[in-house]
Amino acid sequence: MAVLPILITGDPVLHEVAQPVTVFDEALTRLVADMFDTMTEAPGVGLAAPQVGVGLRLFVFHWTDDTDTLYRGVAINPELWLSPTPIGDPDEDDESEGCLSLPGERFGLRRAPLATLRAIDLDQRPYEIKAEGWLARIFQHEYDHLDGVLYADRLAHAPAKAVAKSIKKKGWGEPGLSWLPGTDHLED
């Protein structure tokens, strides 16, 4: 297994719709294992294939809720159903979100409180998870990556301006920029 470089905003694969997974082979198994290693080292709670430069519709997740229930898996060719997103400004404490492709940045973002994820695993077995709260947020965030959307693309005007300013200041927004978890120390 290996830790993979994580692409930073501006790389084209992050802003394109990912293609369905059609080949289930050793290369896919290795990619998923490497994505788990990368997510753990980053550290993160989810990682989508486009973030490591692979334009396929899959993401991994690893999160433990308040009752110590562990949710860990790979979602291949996922579908996601959402409840309506509440109206109003996000709570900066409870709805602040970050992204490994915008390292060090966090902003409040409203998300649907409930989500149903349907996907298949590496053995091509279908499964379904009904999620709420942070797990629902994780699924929405990672699913967005598969559609070429970063969470910053969903921000309201003022936070979006702050993200754009930060991206410019850090020299991001260009193809080919990445960071390697475990070796690169990023500054805010």
Protein backbone atom coordinates (compact mmCIF):
# COMPACT_ATOMS: atom_id res chain seq x y z
CA MET A 1 0.00 0.00 0.00
CA ALA A 2 1.08 3.57 -0.60
CA VAL A 3 0.22 7.13 0.26
CA LEU A 4 -0.74 9.04 -2.87
CA PRO A 5 -0.34 12.76 -3.61
CA ILE A 6 -3.58 14.71 -3.16
CA LEU A 7 -4.36 17.21 -5.89
CA ILE A 8 -5.02 20.82 -4.95
CA THR A 9 -7.82 22.87 -6.48
CA GLY A 10 -7.13 23.92 -10.04
CA ASP A 11 -6.22 20.54 -11.43
CA PRO A 12 -8.64 19.65 -14.25
CA VAL A 13 -9.56 16.20 -12.89
CA LEU A 14 -10.99 17.88 -9.77
CA HIS A 15 -13.36 19.93 -11.90
CA GLU A 16 -14.64 17.22 -14.27
CA VAL A 17 -17.37 14.62 -13.91
CA ALA A 18 -15.75 11.26 -13.06
CA GLN A 19 -16.45 8.20 -15.19
CA PRO A 20 -18.17 5.04 -13.90
CA VAL A 21 -16.01 2.16 -12.72
CA THR A 22 -16.32 -0.68 -15.25
CA VAL A 23 -13.26 -2.81 -14.50
CA PHE A 24 -12.94 -4.58 -11.15
CA ASP A 25 -9.40 -5.87 -11.03
CA GLU A 26 -6.23 -5.85 -8.94
CA ALA A 27 -5.47 -2.27 -10.01
CA LEU A 28 -8.81 -1.10 -8.59
CA THR A 29 -8.22 -3.02 -5.36
CA ARG A 30 -4.77 -1.43 -5.05
CA LEU A 31 -6.18 2.05 -5.75
CA VAL A 32 -8.79 1.65 -3.01
CA ALA A 33 -6.17 0.41 -0.51
CA ASP A 34 -3.88 3.32 -1.40
CA MET A 35 -6.78 5.76 -1.00
CA PHE A 36 -7.48 4.41 2.51
CA ASP A 37 -3.78 4.82 3.39
CA THR A 38 -3.78 8.34 1.97
CA MET A 39 -6.98 9.35 3.78
CA THR A 40 -5.63 8.01 7.08
CA GLU A 41 -2.28 9.76 6.72
CA ALA A 42 -3.83 13.10 5.67
CA PRO A 43 -5.86 12.72 8.06
CA GLY A 44 -9.37 12.82 6.63
CA VAL A 45 -12.77 11.15 6.87
CA GLY A 46 -13.29 10.72 3.13
CA LEU A 47 -11.33 10.78 -0.11
CA ALA A 48 -12.58 10.65 -3.69
CA ALA A 49 -10.64 9.14 -6.59
CA PRO A 50 -10.41 12.46 -8.49
CA GLN A 51 -8.51 13.90 -5.51
CA VAL A 52 -5.68 11.46 -6.24
CA GLY A 53 -5.83 12.10 -9.98
CA VAL A 54 -8.11 9.22 -10.98
CA GLY A 55 -11.29 10.26 -12.76
CA LEU A 56 -13.43 7.34 -11.56
CA ARG A 57 -16.69 7.38 -9.60
CA LEU A 58 -15.54 6.04 -6.27
CA PHE A 59 -14.72 7.31 -2.82
CA VAL A 60 -13.60 5.88 0.50
CA PHE A 61 -14.82 6.92 3.94
CA HIS A 62 -13.90 6.24 7.56
CA TRP A 63 -15.80 7.89 10.40
CA THR A 64 -16.90 7.01 13.92
CA ASP A 65 -20.09 8.59 15.29
CA ASP A 66 -20.88 9.66 18.86
CA THR A 67 -22.02 6.12 19.76
CA ASP A 68 -18.67 4.67 18.59
CA THR A 69 -20.26 3.12 15.51
CA LEU A 70 -17.62 2.87 12.78
CA TYR A 71 -18.56 3.61 9.19
CA ARG A 72 -15.79 2.52 6.85
CA GLY A 73 -16.01 1.52 3.24
CA VAL A 74 -15.67 2.21 -0.43
CA ALA A 75 -18.54 3.58 -2.50
CA ILE A 76 -18.18 2.56 -6.15
CA ASN A 77 -20.54 4.08 -8.74
CA PRO A 78 -22.60 5.63 -5.93
CA GLU A 79 -26.03 7.17 -6.06
CA LEU A 80 -27.07 9.66 -3.39
CA TRP A 81 -30.56 10.76 -2.32
CA LEU A 82 -30.87 13.81 -0.09
CA SER A 83 -33.42 15.45 2.14
CA PRO A 84 -33.98 19.18 1.54
CA THR A 85 -31.18 21.46 2.67
CA PRO A 86 -32.29 23.84 5.44
CA ILE A 87 -32.53 27.51 4.57
CA GLY A 88 -30.36 30.04 6.35
CA ASP A 89 -26.76 30.65 7.23
CA PRO A 90 -24.62 27.71 8.37
CA ASP A 91 -23.58 27.40 11.99
CA GLU A 92 -19.82 28.00 11.90
CA ASP A 93 -19.25 25.51 14.75
CA ASP A 94 -21.50 22.68 13.62
CA GLU A 95 -21.45 23.09 9.84
CA SER A 96 -17.85 24.03 9.13
CA GLU A 97 -16.28 21.89 6.44
CA GLY A 98 -12.82 21.38 5.01
CA CYS A 99 -11.35 19.56 2.04
CA LEU A 100 -8.06 17.78 1.44
CA SER A 101 -7.91 19.49 -1.97
CA LEU A 102 -8.08 22.88 -0.23
CA PRO A 103 -5.76 22.02 2.67
CA GLY A 104 -6.03 24.19 5.75
CA GLU A 105 -9.25 25.95 4.73
CA ARG A 106 -12.57 25.57 6.62
CA PHE A 107 -15.86 27.33 5.99
CA GLY A 108 -19.47 26.91 7.02
CA LEU A 109 -21.66 25.18 4.45
CA ARG A 110 -25.27 24.06 4.69
CA ARG A 111 -25.85 20.44 3.67
CA ALA A 112 -28.87 18.16 3.68
CA PRO A 113 -29.26 16.61 7.15
CA LEU A 114 -30.24 13.19 5.74
CA ALA A 115 -28.74 11.18 2.89
CA THR A 116 -29.15 7.70 1.50
CA LEU A 117 -26.07 6.27 -0.19
CA ARG A 118 -26.43 3.37 -2.60
CA ALA A 119 -23.24 1.93 -4.06
CA ILE A 120 -21.31 -1.24 -4.70
CA ASP A 121 -18.20 -2.50 -2.96
CA LEU A 122 -15.02 -4.05 -4.40
CA ASP A 123 -16.78 -7.42 -4.67
CA GLN A 124 -19.52 -5.73 -6.73
CA ARG A 125 -22.05 -6.27 -3.95
CA PRO A 126 -24.66 -3.50 -3.68
CA TYR A 127 -25.30 -1.85 -0.33
CA GLU A 128 -27.24 1.06 1.13
CA ILE A 129 -26.51 3.33 4.09
CA LYS A 130 -29.03 5.79 5.51
CA ALA A 131 -27.00 8.59 7.05
CA GLU A 132 -27.64 11.69 9.08
CA GLY A 133 -25.52 14.50 10.45
CA TRP A 134 -21.80 14.29 9.76
CA LEU A 135 -21.96 11.00 7.90
CA ALA A 136 -24.56 12.53 5.55
CA ARG A 137 -22.21 15.52 5.14
CA ILE A 138 -19.25 13.23 4.34
CA PHE A 139 -21.24 11.40 1.67
CA GLN A 140 -22.40 14.68 0.08
CA HIS A 141 -18.89 16.14 0.11
CA GLU A 142 -17.29 13.08 -1.50
CA TYR A 143 -20.13 12.60 -3.99
CA ASP A 144 -19.68 16.23 -5.08
CA HIS A 145 -16.06 15.41 -5.97
CA LEU A 146 -17.33 12.79 -8.41
CA ASP A 147 -19.32 15.50 -10.17
CA GLY A 148 -16.35 17.89 -10.34
CA VAL A 149 -17.61 20.10 -7.52
CA LEU A 150 -15.48 21.24 -4.57
CA TYR A 151 -17.19 22.38 -1.39
CA ALA A 152 -15.83 25.87 -2.03
CA ASP A 153 -17.94 25.97 -5.21
CA ARG A 154 -21.05 25.78 -2.99
CA LEU A 155 -20.12 28.58 -0.58
CA ALA A 156 -22.11 31.79 -0.22
CA HIS A 157 -20.63 34.99 -1.68
CA ALA A 158 -18.55 36.25 1.29
CA PRO A 159 -16.88 32.92 2.14
CA ALA A 160 -16.37 32.21 -1.58
CA LYS A 161 -14.44 35.49 -1.86
CA ALA A 162 -12.30 34.49 1.12
CA VAL A 163 -11.51 31.12 -0.49
CA ALA A 164 -10.62 32.79 -3.80
CA LYS A 165 -8.30 35.20 -1.96
CA SER A 166 -6.63 32.31 -0.10
CA ILE A 167 -6.21 30.29 -3.31
CA LYS A 168 -4.52 33.25 -5.00
CA LYS A 169 -2.31 33.98 -1.98
CA LYS A 170 -1.14 30.35 -1.78
CA GLY A 171 -0.50 30.12 -5.53
CA TRP A 172 -3.11 27.41 -6.04
CA GLY A 173 -5.68 27.18 -8.81
CA GLU A 174 -3.30 25.78 -11.42
CA PRO A 175 -2.98 22.25 -12.82
CA GLY A 176 -0.45 19.87 -11.33
CA LEU A 177 -0.32 21.11 -7.73
CA SER A 178 -0.49 18.48 -5.00
CA TRP A 179 0.66 17.63 -1.52
CA LEU A 180 1.78 14.32 -0.03
CA PRO A 181 0.29 13.45 3.37
CA GLY A 182 2.91 12.50 5.91
CA THR A 183 5.70 14.47 4.23
CA ASP A 184 4.39 17.92 3.35
CA HIS A 185 3.64 20.36 6.13
CA LEU A 186 1.09 22.88 4.96
CA GLU A 187 0.71 26.25 6.58
CA ASP A 188 -2.58 28.08 6.97
